[in-house]
Amino acid sequence: MKRVITIAKTLIFVYYAYILEYRAEIFLWALSGSLPLIMMGVWIEASQGGQFSLAAGDFARYFLAVFIIRQFTVVWVIWDFEKEVLQGQLSHRLLQPIDPVWHHVATHISERIARIPFIVALVALFFLLYPQAFWLPSLSNLLLFCVTVVMAFALRFLMQYTYALFAFWTERASAIEQFLFLLHLFLSGMIAPLEVFPDAVREVALWTPFPYMINFPASVLIGLPVDLGRAFLVMWGWGLFFFVTNRWLWRKGLKHYSGMGA
C-alpha cells in the first residue's frame, strides 16, 4: 500500500507541474464548459410561464451545479490513448511496471486540481451577476455531492477509456465517443433537468449511465428529490459492466497491438 501511495503521489505531482505550464489553456477549457450557463438563460426564460415544476431560481442553481460538475468530470482519455496507439507511443509505457491507464488518471486528477482557482473565480462571478440564485447547500448534501461527483468522474472515465481501447482495431476510436456524446448531451441533464422530460423518456434515461454523470450530482447539490438507492445501484452496475468489458478488450487489444517497438 505504501508503494502504491508513493507512485500515485509521484504521478500526480509530476503531471500537476506539467499542467501548470498551460494555465491560460486551462482557463480557456474552463470557459469552454459554459454551455450549461447558456442553457440556464433559456430555461429561466421558459420557466416564466409557470409550466414547469422548477422555478427560475431552481433552474439557475441547477445549471450552475451542472457547470461545476462538468469542470470536474470532463474526460479526454480517448484522444490521448488513440494517439499513443496510432503513433506507437504506447510501447514504452508497456515496459513500465504499472498499467498505462494510471498515467491518464494522474493527468486528469492533476488538471482538476489546477482548475479549482478558475472554477472558484467563475462561480463567484456568477453569484455577483445573479445574486438571487445564491444559496448554501446543507453539509450532508455537500458531502454527498462530492461523493457523487467522484463516482460520476470514475464512470465517465471508465466508459471513455473502454471506447478508447477500440483504437487497437480502428484508427478512429474517437468517433465512437463523438457519436455517443449526443446521447450524453441529451440524457445526462446537461441541456435540461430530467424533471422537465416526459415521464416515459425520463424512466428510460434513468436506466442508462448518462443521468448519473450530471443530473444526479446536480440534483443532490441543490436539494432536488433523488432515489439514492437506485442511483448508486445503476452506477455500480454500469461501472462493473464497463470494467469487465475494459479488461477483456485490453487483453485482446494487446495481442493485436503492433505499434513501433511492440
Protein backbone atom coordinates (compact mmCIF):
# COMPACT_ATOMS: atom_id res chain seq x y z
CA MET A 1 0.00 0.00 0.00
CA LYS A 2 2.85 2.40 0.83
CA ARG A 3 4.38 1.75 -2.62
CA VAL A 4 1.03 2.43 -4.31
CA ILE A 5 0.61 5.72 -2.42
CA THR A 6 4.17 6.75 -3.32
CA ILE A 7 3.63 6.02 -7.01
CA ALA A 8 0.29 7.86 -7.01
CA LYS A 9 1.78 10.95 -5.33
CA THR A 10 4.71 10.97 -7.73
CA LEU A 11 2.50 10.73 -10.82
CA ILE A 12 0.13 13.45 -9.61
CA PHE A 13 2.95 15.84 -8.64
CA VAL A 14 4.73 15.30 -11.97
CA TYR A 15 1.61 15.84 -14.08
CA TYR A 16 0.46 18.76 -11.93
CA ALA A 17 3.76 20.53 -12.60
CA TYR A 18 3.30 19.78 -16.30
CA ILE A 19 -0.30 21.06 -16.31
CA LEU A 20 0.70 24.32 -14.61
CA GLU A 21 2.71 25.21 -17.72
CA TYR A 22 -0.60 25.66 -19.53
CA ARG A 23 -2.59 27.87 -17.11
CA ALA A 24 -4.04 30.04 -19.88
CA GLU A 25 -5.18 26.96 -21.78
CA ILE A 26 -6.82 25.56 -18.63
CA PHE A 27 -8.74 28.82 -18.22
CA LEU A 28 -9.96 28.60 -21.82
CA TRP A 29 -11.00 24.97 -21.30
CA ALA A 30 -12.91 26.01 -18.18
CA LEU A 31 -14.72 28.67 -20.17
CA SER A 32 -15.48 26.17 -22.93
CA GLY A 33 -17.69 24.31 -20.47
CA SER A 34 -20.08 27.26 -20.21
CA LEU A 35 -22.87 25.60 -22.24
CA PRO A 36 -24.86 24.95 -19.02
CA LEU A 37 -24.83 28.68 -18.23
CA ILE A 38 -26.18 29.41 -21.72
CA MET A 39 -28.92 26.81 -21.26
CA MET A 40 -29.68 28.37 -17.88
CA GLY A 41 -30.75 31.58 -19.57
CA VAL A 42 -33.01 29.67 -21.96
CA TRP A 43 -34.74 27.68 -19.22
CA ILE A 44 -35.11 30.64 -16.85
CA GLU A 45 -36.93 32.47 -19.62
CA ALA A 46 -39.09 29.41 -20.35
CA SER A 47 -39.96 28.99 -16.66
CA GLN A 48 -41.63 32.41 -16.53
CA GLY A 49 -44.81 30.82 -17.85
CA GLY A 50 -45.06 28.56 -14.81
CA GLN A 51 -45.30 25.41 -16.92
CA PHE A 52 -42.52 23.55 -15.08
CA SER A 53 -42.12 22.19 -11.57
CA LEU A 54 -38.88 24.16 -11.17
CA ALA A 55 -38.82 27.91 -10.55
CA ALA A 56 -36.39 30.33 -12.16
CA GLY A 57 -34.08 30.18 -9.13
CA ASP A 58 -34.09 26.37 -9.26
CA PHE A 59 -33.03 26.43 -12.91
CA ALA A 60 -30.23 28.90 -12.12
CA ARG A 61 -28.88 26.74 -9.28
CA TYR A 62 -29.26 23.55 -11.31
CA PHE A 63 -27.26 24.81 -14.28
CA LEU A 64 -24.62 26.33 -12.02
CA ALA A 65 -24.28 22.87 -10.44
CA VAL A 66 -24.05 21.36 -13.94
CA PHE A 67 -21.29 23.82 -14.80
CA ILE A 68 -19.33 22.84 -11.69
CA ILE A 69 -19.84 19.12 -12.33
CA ARG A 70 -18.69 19.46 -15.92
CA GLN A 71 -15.47 21.07 -14.72
CA PHE A 72 -14.67 18.03 -12.59
CA THR A 73 -15.91 15.26 -14.89
CA VAL A 74 -14.67 16.26 -18.35
CA VAL A 75 -12.60 13.43 -19.85
CA TRP A 76 -10.33 13.31 -22.92
CA VAL A 77 -8.53 9.98 -22.44
CA ILE A 78 -9.84 8.54 -25.72
CA TRP A 79 -7.96 11.11 -27.82
CA ASP A 80 -4.71 10.66 -25.87
CA PHE A 81 -4.88 6.86 -25.97
CA GLU A 82 -5.81 6.82 -29.65
CA LYS A 83 -2.75 8.95 -30.40
CA GLU A 84 -0.49 6.69 -28.34
CA VAL A 85 -1.65 3.58 -30.17
CA LEU A 86 -1.51 5.06 -33.68
CA GLN A 87 1.93 6.63 -33.17
CA GLY A 88 3.41 3.70 -31.26
CA GLN A 89 3.89 5.78 -28.09
CA LEU A 90 2.15 3.11 -26.04
CA SER A 91 5.12 0.78 -26.46
CA HIS A 92 7.46 2.43 -23.95
CA ARG A 93 4.68 2.63 -21.35
CA LEU A 94 4.09 -1.08 -21.64
CA LEU A 95 7.67 -1.54 -20.42
CA GLN A 96 6.88 0.23 -17.16
CA PRO A 97 5.74 -1.76 -14.09
CA ILE A 98 2.33 -0.04 -13.91
CA ASP A 99 -0.74 -0.12 -16.11
CA PRO A 100 -0.56 2.79 -18.63
CA VAL A 101 -4.04 3.90 -17.59
CA TRP A 102 -2.64 5.37 -14.36
CA HIS A 103 -0.74 7.98 -16.35
CA HIS A 104 -4.05 9.16 -17.80
CA VAL A 105 -5.76 9.07 -14.40
CA ALA A 106 -2.97 11.16 -12.87
CA THR A 107 -3.17 13.66 -15.73
CA HIS A 108 -6.91 14.11 -15.26
CA ILE A 109 -6.66 14.47 -11.47
CA SER A 110 -3.82 16.99 -11.77
CA GLU A 111 -5.78 19.02 -14.30
CA ARG A 112 -8.78 19.04 -11.93
CA ILE A 113 -6.62 20.45 -9.14
CA ALA A 114 -5.24 23.13 -11.44
CA ARG A 115 -8.78 24.14 -12.47
CA ILE A 116 -10.02 24.81 -8.94
CA PRO A 117 -8.94 28.51 -8.75
CA PHE A 118 -10.64 29.23 -12.09
CA ILE A 119 -13.82 27.40 -11.00
CA VAL A 120 -13.98 29.38 -7.76
CA ALA A 121 -13.49 32.66 -9.63
CA LEU A 122 -16.17 31.83 -12.22
CA VAL A 123 -18.68 30.75 -9.55
CA ALA A 124 -18.03 33.96 -7.60
CA LEU A 125 -18.58 35.96 -10.80
CA PHE A 126 -21.84 34.08 -11.40
CA PHE A 127 -23.22 35.00 -7.97
CA LEU A 128 -22.05 38.58 -8.41
CA LEU A 129 -24.04 38.84 -11.64
CA TYR A 130 -27.00 36.74 -10.43
CA PRO A 131 -27.19 37.22 -6.63
CA GLN A 132 -30.81 35.96 -6.38
CA ALA A 133 -29.56 32.47 -7.19
CA PHE A 134 -27.23 32.36 -4.18
CA TRP A 135 -27.81 29.52 -1.73
CA LEU A 136 -25.85 27.42 0.72
CA PRO A 137 -26.31 23.66 0.39
CA SER A 138 -26.56 21.66 3.60
CA LEU A 139 -23.42 19.92 4.82
CA SER A 140 -24.92 16.48 4.14
CA ASN A 141 -25.84 17.46 0.57
CA LEU A 142 -22.39 18.93 0.01
CA LEU A 143 -20.60 15.79 1.22
CA LEU A 144 -22.91 13.54 -0.79
CA PHE A 145 -22.33 15.77 -3.80
CA CYS A 146 -18.56 15.31 -3.51
CA VAL A 147 -19.02 11.53 -3.40
CA THR A 148 -21.33 11.51 -6.41
CA VAL A 149 -19.01 13.75 -8.44
CA VAL A 150 -16.09 11.38 -7.81
CA MET A 151 -18.26 8.44 -8.83
CA ALA A 152 -19.50 10.32 -11.90
CA PHE A 153 -15.94 11.09 -12.99
CA ALA A 154 -14.88 7.48 -12.43
CA LEU A 155 -17.79 6.17 -14.50
CA ARG A 156 -17.26 8.72 -17.27
CA PHE A 157 -13.54 7.95 -17.40
CA LEU A 158 -14.13 4.20 -17.41
CA MET A 159 -16.68 4.47 -20.21
CA GLN A 160 -14.46 6.61 -22.42
CA TYR A 161 -11.37 4.53 -21.71
CA THR A 162 -13.30 1.44 -22.76
CA TYR A 163 -14.24 3.11 -26.05
CA ALA A 164 -10.58 4.14 -26.43
CA LEU A 165 -9.44 0.51 -26.46
CA PHE A 166 -11.06 0.09 -29.86
CA ALA A 167 -8.06 2.07 -31.13
CA PHE A 168 -6.30 -1.31 -31.24
CA TRP A 169 -8.56 -2.20 -34.18
CA THR A 170 -9.56 1.12 -35.76
CA GLU A 171 -7.87 4.44 -36.41
CA ARG A 172 -10.95 6.43 -35.37
CA ALA A 173 -11.95 5.13 -31.95
CA SER A 174 -12.79 8.72 -31.04
CA ALA A 175 -15.71 8.56 -33.49
CA ILE A 176 -17.44 6.24 -31.01
CA GLU A 177 -17.19 8.88 -28.30
CA GLN A 178 -18.38 11.61 -30.65
CA PHE A 179 -21.46 9.58 -31.56
CA LEU A 180 -22.31 8.58 -28.00
CA PHE A 181 -21.75 12.15 -26.80
CA LEU A 182 -25.05 13.02 -28.46
CA LEU A 183 -26.79 10.64 -26.05
CA HIS A 184 -24.72 12.02 -23.19
CA LEU A 185 -25.66 15.58 -24.12
CA PHE A 186 -29.39 14.83 -24.17
CA LEU A 187 -29.84 12.19 -21.45
CA SER A 188 -27.33 13.41 -18.87
CA GLY A 189 -29.27 16.53 -17.97
CA MET A 190 -26.72 18.88 -19.48
CA ILE A 191 -29.23 20.72 -21.67
CA ALA A 192 -32.30 20.26 -19.45
CA PRO A 193 -33.08 18.79 -16.00
CA LEU A 194 -34.67 15.37 -16.19
CA GLU A 195 -37.61 16.79 -14.20
CA VAL A 196 -38.86 18.51 -17.38
CA PHE A 197 -38.63 15.35 -19.51
CA PRO A 198 -41.75 13.33 -20.34
CA ASP A 199 -42.25 10.53 -17.79
CA ALA A 200 -41.58 7.73 -20.30
CA VAL A 201 -38.34 9.32 -21.57
CA ARG A 202 -37.15 10.03 -18.03
CA GLU A 203 -37.81 6.45 -16.92
CA VAL A 204 -35.80 5.04 -19.82
CA ALA A 205 -33.00 7.55 -19.25
CA LEU A 206 -32.68 6.59 -15.59
CA TRP A 207 -31.63 3.07 -16.58
CA THR A 208 -28.76 4.40 -18.68
CA PRO A 209 -25.48 5.66 -17.15
CA PHE A 210 -25.82 9.18 -18.55
CA PRO A 211 -28.09 10.92 -15.95
CA TYR A 212 -25.84 9.84 -13.11
CA MET A 213 -22.88 11.75 -14.50
CA ILE A 214 -24.58 15.17 -14.35
CA ASN A 215 -28.27 15.27 -13.40
CA PHE A 216 -27.88 13.11 -10.29
CA PRO A 217 -24.99 15.06 -8.67
CA ALA A 218 -26.63 18.36 -9.61
CA SER A 219 -29.93 17.31 -8.01
CA VAL A 220 -28.08 16.26 -4.86
CA LEU A 221 -26.30 19.61 -4.56
CA ILE A 222 -29.37 21.81 -4.96
CA GLY A 223 -31.66 19.56 -2.91
CA LEU A 224 -33.98 18.09 -5.55
CA PRO A 225 -35.50 14.70 -4.64
CA VAL A 226 -33.41 11.73 -5.78
CA ASP A 227 -33.61 7.96 -5.39
CA LEU A 228 -30.19 7.33 -3.85
CA GLY A 229 -30.55 3.54 -3.74
CA ARG A 230 -31.43 3.24 -7.40
CA ALA A 231 -28.82 5.78 -8.46
CA PHE A 232 -25.94 4.04 -6.71
CA LEU A 233 -27.14 0.63 -7.90
CA VAL A 234 -27.28 1.74 -11.54
CA MET A 235 -23.88 3.48 -11.31
CA TRP A 236 -22.22 0.44 -9.78
CA GLY A 237 -23.91 -1.84 -12.31
CA TRP A 238 -22.71 0.13 -15.31
CA GLY A 239 -19.30 0.58 -13.69
CA LEU A 240 -18.93 -3.19 -13.30
CA PHE A 241 -20.08 -3.77 -16.88
CA PHE A 242 -17.57 -1.31 -18.34
CA PHE A 243 -14.76 -2.53 -16.06
CA VAL A 244 -15.20 -6.16 -17.18
CA THR A 245 -15.50 -5.09 -20.83
CA ASN A 246 -12.46 -2.84 -20.47
CA ARG A 247 -10.22 -5.57 -19.10
CA TRP A 248 -11.35 -8.02 -21.79
CA LEU A 249 -10.69 -5.51 -24.58
CA TRP A 250 -7.31 -4.64 -23.04
CA ARG A 251 -6.14 -8.25 -23.10
CA LYS A 252 -7.40 -8.81 -26.65
CA GLY A 253 -6.03 -5.47 -27.81
CA LEU A 254 -2.51 -6.09 -26.54
CA LYS A 255 -2.35 -9.26 -28.63
CA HIS A 256 -3.42 -7.21 -31.65
CA TYR A 257 -1.15 -4.23 -30.96
CA SER A 258 1.63 -3.76 -33.50
CA GLY A 259 2.93 -0.30 -32.71
CA MET A 260 6.57 0.69 -33.08
CA GLY A 261 8.64 -1.29 -30.61
CA ALA A 262 5.80 -3.58 -29.58
